[in-house]
Protein backbone atom coordinates (compact mmCIF):
# COMPACT_ATOMS: atom_id res chain seq x y z
CA MET A 1 84.09 9.18 -66.19
CA THR A 2 87.16 11.29 -65.42
CA ARG A 3 90.48 9.47 -65.77
CA ALA A 4 93.29 10.32 -63.35
CA ALA A 5 96.88 9.21 -62.78
CA VAL A 6 98.64 9.61 -59.43
CA LEU A 7 102.43 9.80 -59.55
CA GLY A 8 103.88 8.71 -56.24
CA ALA A 9 102.79 5.72 -54.13
CA GLY A 10 103.67 7.02 -50.69
CA ALA A 11 101.09 7.56 -47.96
CA TRP A 12 99.53 10.73 -49.40
CA GLY A 13 99.66 9.67 -53.05
CA THR A 14 98.05 6.32 -52.25
CA THR A 15 95.44 7.96 -50.02
CA PHE A 16 94.57 10.50 -52.70
CA ALA A 17 94.18 7.67 -55.21
CA ALA A 18 91.65 6.19 -52.77
CA VAL A 19 89.86 9.56 -52.54
CA LEU A 20 89.58 9.69 -56.33
CA ALA A 21 88.34 6.10 -56.53
CA ASP A 22 85.72 6.69 -53.83
CA ALA A 23 84.54 9.76 -55.73
CA GLY A 24 83.93 7.66 -58.85
CA THR A 25 87.06 8.68 -60.76
CA ASP A 26 88.95 6.11 -62.83
CA VAL A 27 92.40 6.24 -61.20
CA THR A 28 95.76 4.60 -61.78
CA LEU A 29 98.52 4.83 -59.16
CA TRP A 30 102.11 4.85 -60.37
CA GLY A 31 105.12 3.97 -58.22
CA ARG A 32 108.60 2.53 -58.60
CA ASP A 33 108.48 -0.11 -55.84
CA GLU A 34 107.13 -3.26 -57.47
CA ALA A 35 106.25 -4.87 -54.13
CA VAL A 36 104.18 -1.86 -53.05
CA ILE A 37 102.40 -1.62 -56.40
CA ARG A 38 101.66 -5.35 -56.41
CA ALA A 39 100.18 -5.16 -52.91
CA VAL A 40 97.98 -2.19 -53.83
CA ARG A 41 96.81 -3.89 -57.02
CA ASP A 42 96.34 -7.44 -55.79
CA GLU A 43 95.67 -7.11 -52.06
CA ARG A 44 94.31 -3.55 -51.80
CA ARG A 45 96.90 -2.82 -49.12
CA HIS A 46 99.93 -0.58 -48.57
CA ASP A 47 101.28 -1.87 -45.28
CA THR A 48 104.47 0.20 -45.46
CA SER A 49 102.73 3.58 -45.37
CA LEU A 50 99.12 2.76 -44.43
CA PRO A 51 99.18 -0.41 -42.31
CA GLY A 52 95.80 -1.96 -41.62
CA ILE A 53 93.96 0.09 -44.24
CA GLU A 54 91.88 -1.64 -46.92
CA LEU A 55 92.05 0.40 -50.12
CA PRO A 56 89.12 0.78 -52.56
CA ALA A 57 88.78 -1.81 -55.28
CA GLY A 58 88.78 0.93 -57.94
CA ILE A 59 92.49 1.74 -57.75
CA HIS A 60 94.58 0.42 -60.62
CA ALA A 61 98.33 0.31 -59.88
CA THR A 62 101.37 0.03 -62.12
CA THR A 63 105.11 0.68 -62.36
CA ASP A 64 104.67 1.58 -66.05
CA ALA A 65 104.44 5.36 -66.41
CA THR A 66 103.18 5.13 -69.99
CA GLU A 67 100.29 2.96 -68.87
CA ALA A 68 99.48 5.22 -65.93
CA LEU A 69 99.46 8.44 -67.96
CA ALA A 70 97.66 7.17 -71.06
CA ASP A 71 94.73 9.57 -71.69
CA ALA A 72 94.84 10.84 -68.09
CA GLU A 73 92.80 14.04 -67.75
CA LEU A 74 94.15 14.70 -64.25
CA VAL A 75 97.78 14.01 -63.40
CA VAL A 76 98.29 14.13 -59.64
CA ILE A 77 101.83 14.62 -58.32
CA ALA A 78 102.77 13.30 -54.88
CA VAL A 79 106.56 13.06 -54.86
CA PRO A 80 109.12 14.67 -52.50
CA SER A 81 109.18 18.39 -53.26
CA GLN A 82 112.96 18.79 -53.37
CA ARG A 83 113.28 15.97 -55.92
CA ALA A 84 110.23 16.91 -57.98
CA ARG A 85 112.05 18.56 -60.88
CA ALA A 86 114.24 15.53 -61.58
CA ILE A 87 111.44 13.00 -61.04
CA LEU A 88 108.90 14.80 -63.24
CA GLU A 89 111.10 15.62 -66.25
CA PRO A 90 110.86 12.14 -67.89
CA PHE A 91 107.05 12.22 -67.73
CA ARG A 92 106.68 15.30 -69.94
CA PRO A 93 106.34 13.51 -73.32
CA LEU A 94 103.76 11.12 -71.82
CA LEU A 95 101.23 13.82 -70.85
CA ALA A 96 97.98 14.06 -72.77
CA ASP A 97 97.46 17.40 -74.51
CA HIS A 98 94.43 18.20 -72.36
CA ALA A 99 95.80 17.02 -69.00
CA LEU A 100 95.55 19.11 -65.83
CA ALA A 101 98.38 18.85 -63.30
CA VAL A 102 97.33 18.49 -59.65
CA SER A 103 100.06 19.14 -57.08
CA LEU A 104 99.86 17.49 -53.66
CA MET A 105 103.40 18.61 -52.85
CA LYS A 106 104.11 21.05 -50.01
CA GLY A 107 107.47 22.70 -50.33
CA ILE A 108 109.56 25.56 -51.71
CA GLU A 109 112.37 24.45 -54.01
CA LEU A 110 115.89 25.00 -52.72
CA GLY A 111 117.91 27.39 -54.86
CA THR A 112 115.09 28.69 -57.04
CA HIS A 113 112.66 29.45 -54.15
CA GLU A 114 109.86 28.37 -56.49
CA ARG A 115 106.54 26.95 -55.36
CA MET A 116 105.69 23.47 -56.60
CA SER A 117 103.14 24.73 -59.13
CA GLN A 118 105.88 26.87 -60.66
CA VAL A 119 108.23 23.89 -60.84
CA ILE A 120 105.54 21.81 -62.56
CA SER A 121 104.78 24.57 -65.06
CA GLU A 122 108.45 24.88 -65.97
CA VAL A 123 109.25 21.19 -66.19
CA TRP A 124 106.14 20.22 -68.13
CA GLY A 125 105.73 23.44 -70.11
CA LEU A 126 102.18 24.02 -68.86
CA PRO A 127 100.38 27.36 -68.61
CA ASP A 128 99.20 28.40 -65.15
CA ASP A 129 95.57 27.55 -65.96
CA ARG A 130 96.48 23.87 -66.39
CA VAL A 131 98.05 23.55 -62.94
CA THR A 132 96.09 23.11 -59.70
CA VAL A 133 97.13 22.72 -56.08
CA VAL A 134 95.47 20.67 -53.31
CA SER A 135 96.16 21.67 -49.71
CA GLY A 136 94.48 21.70 -46.31
CA PRO A 137 94.16 19.68 -43.09
CA ASN A 138 94.82 16.43 -44.92
CA LEU A 139 96.64 13.92 -42.73
CA ALA A 140 96.85 10.85 -44.94
CA ARG A 141 96.06 8.18 -42.37
CA GLU A 142 92.84 9.83 -41.21
CA ILE A 143 91.62 10.31 -44.77
CA ALA A 144 92.52 6.73 -45.66
CA GLU A 145 90.26 5.75 -42.76
CA ARG A 146 87.54 7.88 -44.40
CA GLN A 147 87.35 10.34 -41.54
CA PRO A 148 85.59 13.57 -42.62
CA THR A 149 87.82 16.39 -43.84
CA ALA A 150 87.81 19.37 -46.14
CA THR A 151 90.50 20.65 -48.48
CA VAL A 152 91.26 23.48 -50.88
CA VAL A 153 91.77 23.15 -54.63
CA ALA A 154 93.57 26.26 -55.87
CA SER A 155 94.14 27.41 -59.44
CA THR A 156 94.21 30.58 -61.49
CA SER A 157 91.48 28.85 -63.54
CA THR A 158 88.09 28.46 -61.87
CA GLU A 159 87.19 25.77 -64.40
CA ALA A 160 90.34 23.75 -63.63
CA ALA A 161 89.76 23.95 -59.87
CA GLU A 162 86.14 22.87 -60.29
CA ARG A 163 87.17 19.87 -62.39
CA VAL A 164 89.53 18.64 -59.68
CA ALA A 165 86.95 19.32 -56.96
CA ALA A 166 84.31 17.33 -58.85
CA ALA A 167 86.72 14.41 -59.27
CA THR A 168 87.43 14.20 -55.53
CA ALA A 169 84.20 15.12 -53.71
CA SER A 170 82.66 12.33 -51.64
CA SER A 171 80.77 11.74 -48.41
CA TYR A 172 83.95 12.22 -46.35
CA PHE A 173 86.10 14.49 -48.56
CA ARG A 174 84.87 18.06 -49.11
CA PRO A 175 86.85 20.20 -51.60
CA TYR A 176 86.55 24.00 -51.73
CA THR A 177 88.05 26.09 -54.54
CA ASN A 178 90.32 29.11 -54.22
CA ALA A 179 92.02 31.38 -56.76
CA ASP A 180 94.87 32.31 -54.39
CA VAL A 181 97.53 29.81 -55.50
CA VAL A 182 100.35 31.75 -53.83
CA GLY A 183 98.66 31.82 -50.42
CA VAL A 184 97.55 28.19 -50.54
CA GLU A 185 100.96 26.87 -51.57
CA LEU A 186 102.92 29.06 -49.17
CA SER A 187 100.69 27.95 -46.29
CA GLY A 188 101.14 24.28 -47.17
CA ALA A 189 104.92 24.58 -47.27
CA TYR A 190 105.44 26.92 -44.33
CA LYS A 191 103.22 25.06 -41.87
CA ASN A 192 105.73 22.18 -41.97
CA VAL A 193 108.42 24.52 -40.63
CA ILE A 194 106.15 25.78 -37.84
CA ALA A 195 105.25 22.16 -37.01
CA VAL A 196 108.94 21.36 -36.49
CA GLY A 197 109.08 24.27 -34.05
CA VAL A 198 105.97 23.10 -32.20
CA GLY A 199 107.38 19.57 -32.05
CA VAL A 200 110.58 20.92 -30.51
CA ALA A 201 108.55 22.76 -27.85
CA ASP A 202 106.62 19.56 -27.07
CA GLY A 203 109.83 17.54 -26.91
CA LEU A 204 111.30 20.05 -24.47
CA GLY A 205 108.31 19.44 -22.20
CA TYR A 206 106.44 22.71 -22.71
CA GLY A 207 102.66 22.69 -22.47
CA HIS A 208 99.65 23.95 -24.40
CA ASN A 209 100.30 27.64 -23.79
CA THR A 210 103.67 27.40 -25.52
CA THR A 211 102.20 25.33 -28.34
CA ALA A 212 99.43 27.86 -28.90
CA THR A 213 101.95 30.70 -28.87
CA VAL A 214 104.14 29.10 -31.52
CA ILE A 215 101.15 28.17 -33.71
CA THR A 216 99.52 31.61 -33.63
CA ARG A 217 102.77 33.52 -34.07
CA GLY A 218 103.63 31.04 -36.78
CA LEU A 219 100.42 31.92 -38.58
CA ALA A 220 101.29 35.61 -38.26
CA GLU A 221 104.69 34.83 -39.78
CA ILE A 222 103.18 32.89 -42.69
CA THR A 223 100.63 35.63 -43.32
CA ARG A 224 103.23 38.40 -43.24
CA LEU A 225 105.34 36.69 -45.90
CA GLY A 226 102.28 35.70 -47.95
CA LEU A 227 100.98 39.26 -48.13
CA ALA A 228 104.42 40.46 -49.23
CA LEU A 229 104.27 37.91 -52.07
CA GLY A 230 100.79 39.00 -53.19
CA ALA A 231 98.60 36.42 -51.45
CA ARG A 232 95.10 37.19 -50.18
CA PRO A 233 94.75 37.64 -46.39
CA GLU A 234 91.61 35.51 -46.06
CA THR A 235 93.47 32.43 -47.30
CA PHE A 236 95.49 32.28 -44.08
CA SER A 237 92.45 32.06 -41.82
CA GLY A 238 90.95 29.26 -43.93
CA LEU A 239 91.53 25.56 -44.52
CA ALA A 240 94.85 25.90 -46.30
CA GLY A 241 96.17 28.31 -43.68
CA MET A 242 94.98 27.86 -40.11
CA GLY A 243 93.28 24.52 -40.85
CA ASP A 244 96.40 22.82 -42.16
CA LEU A 245 98.59 24.51 -39.54
CA ILE A 246 96.49 23.15 -36.66
CA ALA A 247 96.39 19.62 -38.08
CA THR A 248 100.11 19.47 -38.76
CA CYS A 249 101.21 21.06 -35.50
CA ALA A 250 98.83 19.17 -33.21
CA SER A 251 98.80 15.63 -34.60
CA PRO A 252 101.24 12.82 -33.76
CA LEU A 253 100.63 11.67 -37.34
CA SER A 254 102.55 14.71 -38.60
CA ARG A 255 106.09 13.78 -39.61
CA ASN A 256 107.33 17.34 -39.15
CA HIS A 257 105.94 17.58 -35.62
CA THR A 258 107.35 14.14 -34.82
CA LEU A 259 110.81 15.07 -36.09
CA GLY A 260 110.82 18.26 -34.01
CA ALA A 261 109.72 16.36 -30.91
CA HIS A 262 112.59 13.88 -31.28
CA ILE A 263 115.05 16.77 -31.54
CA GLY A 264 113.50 18.45 -28.52
CA ARG A 265 114.06 15.24 -26.54
CA GLY A 266 117.74 15.24 -27.44
CA ALA A 267 118.05 13.40 -30.77
CA SER A 268 120.35 14.71 -33.48
CA LEU A 269 118.84 15.69 -36.81
CA GLU A 270 120.07 12.47 -38.40
CA GLU A 271 118.64 10.39 -35.55
CA ALA A 272 115.33 12.27 -35.72
CA ILE A 273 115.04 11.66 -39.46
CA THR A 274 115.57 7.93 -38.90
CA LEU A 275 113.09 7.80 -36.03
CA THR A 276 110.46 9.73 -38.02
CA ARG A 277 110.49 7.08 -40.78
CA GLY A 278 109.33 9.37 -43.56
CA THR A 279 110.09 12.60 -45.38
CA ALA A 280 109.72 15.67 -43.16
CA GLU A 281 109.51 18.38 -45.80
CA GLY A 282 110.02 21.16 -43.25
CA VAL A 283 113.72 20.32 -42.86
CA LYS A 284 114.76 21.56 -46.29
CA THR A 285 111.83 23.91 -46.85
CA ALA A 286 112.87 25.97 -43.82
CA GLN A 287 116.04 27.10 -45.59
CA SER A 288 114.15 27.91 -48.80
CA ILE A 289 111.56 29.97 -46.94
CA ARG A 290 114.22 31.79 -44.93
CA GLU A 291 115.95 32.85 -48.16
CA LEU A 292 112.64 33.74 -49.82
CA ALA A 293 111.68 35.90 -46.83
CA ALA A 294 115.05 37.65 -46.87
CA SER A 295 114.61 38.52 -50.55
CA ALA A 296 111.16 39.95 -49.72
CA GLY A 297 112.44 41.88 -46.70
CA VAL A 298 110.18 40.00 -44.25
CA GLU A 299 111.18 38.95 -40.73
CA VAL A 300 110.52 35.27 -39.96
CA PRO A 301 111.86 34.58 -36.45
CA ILE A 302 110.41 31.07 -36.01
CA CYS A 303 111.70 29.95 -39.39
CA ASP A 304 115.09 31.50 -38.60
CA GLY A 305 115.20 29.64 -35.30
CA VAL A 306 114.31 26.32 -36.93
CA VAL A 307 117.00 26.75 -39.61
CA ARG A 308 119.68 27.61 -37.07
CA MET A 309 118.65 24.70 -34.86
CA LEU A 310 118.63 22.18 -37.70
CA SER A 311 122.09 23.31 -38.77
CA GLY A 312 123.40 22.77 -35.23
CA GLU A 313 124.19 26.45 -34.80
CA VAL A 314 121.97 26.80 -31.71
CA PRO A 315 120.28 24.38 -29.25
CA PRO A 316 116.61 23.40 -29.69
CA SER A 317 115.46 25.66 -26.84
CA THR A 318 116.44 28.68 -28.96
CA VAL A 319 113.41 28.15 -31.23
CA VAL A 320 111.09 29.18 -28.39
CA GLU A 321 113.45 31.52 -26.55
CA THR A 322 114.10 33.67 -29.61
CA LEU A 323 110.38 34.17 -30.18
CA LEU A 324 109.75 35.26 -26.59
CA SER A 325 112.79 37.56 -26.41
CA ARG A 326 111.80 39.70 -29.39
CA PRO A 327 110.98 43.38 -28.73
CA ARG A 328 107.50 43.92 -27.32
CA LYS A 329 104.92 45.51 -29.63
CA ALA A 330 101.19 45.66 -30.29
CA GLU A 331 99.69 42.41 -31.61
CA VAL A 332 97.51 44.28 -34.12
CA GLY A 333 98.19 47.63 -35.74
């Protein structure tokens, strides 16, 4: 039986531990909050992040990192992307020599503009073929309820991706593999920024036409930057691209969409963060992606609008107005 450790006991980390357990993987969930870990271990519940959900009996839970990582073949990381480097550094000496890292994080690091797989490789000294990335239309609550979904496991190593896929596949969770790590990670990070923009449009009272416009032009924006960074075009029309974008932009379960909607209705950024009650990765990732795009010479008008709005430079309506006021051109070609 494959042994896995999940670092991070938030909604997605806990849900992914449940996915692993349901797939027959021996899994231990690590977190710092003793009350949360005790409830997962003793009551099979995480009422803070997943109220009303009964977790599988197969999840072990601990606040002891040494216990969690002992002989773990898969080490799954589900911590806030902008704090990942500092959080992960102490774990390095605890990793088994053969362990594969599995990133659930969706962000681009501020300052370095590195994807999360790159951060993991640097902090833990791992070669690229020992790092994998999971991304797709994976709203934690729905998966915790065992609603059917598919995801993408990306790695430069086909063998590594297959190992993670085999450890997670079940009757409700369908993993596909992909060698395009750049495209998969960029899509997972960037869709949060577009979701903030869609949320703003919803909060302003715009309808489905506006939402569809922001989503599809958002996908064009993500694809344009991805191709400049060496990603494969087909990734953006798949689960990690369009699939994740639709789920995050359309669902009220999406924290990034929710935050944008609060701002569109008149809340300040600080008020929206409080009302959202969770980390909306798109807030900080927007600035990272804007800088990354500038260094690549790629125009990203929606991302630019979101950054300027979040900084208070322009009102929320600018996110949509800027997109529609751009020079007319052919959609294709």
